Protein backbone atom coordinates (compact mmCIF):
# COMPACT_ATOMS: atom_id res chain seq x y z
CA MET A 1 208.07 148.13 -67.21
CA SER A 2 204.96 146.09 -67.65
CA GLU A 3 201.79 147.66 -68.88
CA PRO A 4 199.71 146.20 -65.94
CA ARG A 5 202.07 147.88 -63.45
CA ILE A 6 201.55 151.24 -65.22
CA GLN A 7 197.83 150.69 -65.25
CA THR A 8 197.99 150.02 -61.47
CA VAL A 9 199.83 153.22 -60.91
CA ARG A 10 197.37 155.11 -63.11
CA ARG A 11 194.43 153.51 -61.21
CA ILE A 12 195.95 154.54 -57.75
CA ALA A 13 196.60 158.02 -58.97
CA ALA A 14 193.01 158.36 -60.05
CA LEU A 15 191.84 157.20 -56.74
CA ALA A 16 194.02 159.73 -55.17
CA ARG A 17 192.98 162.38 -57.64
CA LEU A 18 196.57 162.89 -58.83
CA GLU A 19 197.58 163.59 -62.28
CA VAL A 20 200.53 161.37 -63.27
CA GLY A 21 202.44 161.63 -66.55
CA GLU A 22 203.74 158.73 -68.64
CA GLU A 23 207.36 159.05 -67.32
CA GLU A 24 206.27 159.53 -63.77
CA ALA A 25 203.96 156.43 -63.92
CA ARG A 26 206.90 154.41 -65.18
CA GLY A 27 209.00 155.55 -62.26
CA LEU A 28 206.32 154.98 -59.75
CA GLY A 29 205.72 151.59 -61.28
CA GLU A 30 209.44 150.69 -60.73
CA THR A 31 209.17 151.94 -57.18
CA PHE A 32 206.16 149.86 -56.53
CA GLU A 33 207.95 146.84 -57.92
CA ARG A 34 210.93 147.36 -55.57
CA ILE A 35 208.63 147.81 -52.56
CA LEU A 36 206.60 144.69 -53.48
CA GLY A 37 209.85 142.87 -53.78
CA HIS A 38 210.82 143.77 -50.26
CA PHE A 39 207.51 142.51 -49.09
CA GLN A 40 208.03 139.20 -50.84
CA VAL A 41 211.41 138.80 -49.07
CA LEU A 42 209.66 139.52 -45.67
CA ALA A 43 206.94 137.00 -46.56
CA ARG A 44 209.49 134.21 -47.01
CA LEU A 45 211.09 134.87 -43.59
CA ASP A 46 210.61 132.01 -41.05
CA VAL A 47 209.20 133.76 -37.97
CA SER A 48 207.72 130.70 -36.25
CA ALA A 49 210.40 130.66 -33.58
CA LEU A 50 209.67 134.32 -32.53
CA GLU A 51 207.38 135.24 -29.74
CA ASP A 52 204.47 137.56 -30.20
CA GLU A 53 205.26 141.12 -29.29
CA VAL A 54 201.70 142.12 -28.29
CA GLY A 55 200.73 139.27 -26.08
CA PRO A 56 197.34 137.71 -25.53
CA ILE A 57 194.19 139.83 -25.52
CA ARG A 58 192.71 140.08 -21.99
CA PRO A 59 189.06 138.88 -21.46
CA ALA A 60 186.55 141.48 -21.15
CA GLU A 61 186.21 141.10 -17.39
CA GLN A 62 189.95 142.19 -17.07
CA ARG A 63 189.66 145.33 -19.04
CA ARG A 64 189.43 148.70 -17.51
CA ALA A 65 185.90 150.01 -17.10
CA ASP A 66 184.86 152.75 -19.44
CA ARG A 67 183.71 155.54 -16.96
CA PRO A 68 183.39 159.20 -17.57
CA ALA A 69 186.28 161.08 -15.96
CA LEU A 70 187.53 164.68 -15.85
CA SER A 71 189.37 165.66 -19.09
CA PHE A 72 192.26 167.85 -19.75
CA PRO A 73 191.51 171.50 -18.66
CA VAL A 74 190.60 173.52 -21.77
CA GLU A 75 192.88 176.37 -20.89
CA LEU A 76 195.82 174.13 -20.51
CA ALA A 77 195.02 172.23 -23.81
CA LEU A 78 194.60 175.47 -25.77
CA ARG A 79 197.50 177.41 -24.28
CA GLY A 80 199.76 176.69 -27.26
CA ALA A 81 197.12 177.01 -29.89
CA PRO A 82 197.97 179.49 -32.71
CA ALA A 83 194.30 180.51 -32.76
CA ARG A 84 191.20 179.47 -30.94
CA GLU A 85 187.52 179.88 -31.13
CA ASP A 86 185.59 179.49 -27.84
CA ASP A 87 186.91 176.21 -26.49
CA PHE A 88 188.22 174.94 -29.88
CA TYR A 89 191.48 175.11 -31.88
CA ARG A 90 191.02 177.32 -34.95
CA VAL A 91 192.93 176.10 -37.99
CA PRO A 92 192.98 177.25 -41.58
CA LYS A 93 190.62 175.45 -43.92
CA THR A 94 192.45 172.88 -46.02
CA VAL A 95 189.73 171.27 -48.09
CA GLY A 96 187.14 173.04 -50.21
CA GLY A 97 188.71 176.46 -50.78
CA GLU A 98 188.34 179.70 -48.84
CA GLU A 99 185.94 180.07 -45.86
């Protein structure tokens, strides 16, 4: 495993605020190399004969107008909510500790 790959793993882990040990960094580096290898194979494929799946973008005059409309009824939207507060879903706090 090359040192630059391990440094890349450490840099990505730091950005994600993850602690990665030496052995784990080596394993992730190997995984990254395999993934990048797959992308290199895909990059070499000749797709010039394939048609676009998306199709052309329509001109602005053909797009649907953005007009206010009635939204989903609140009672129906919140019917399956595990908890609610007024007209909103109530969910446990996941970032920053307790409430």
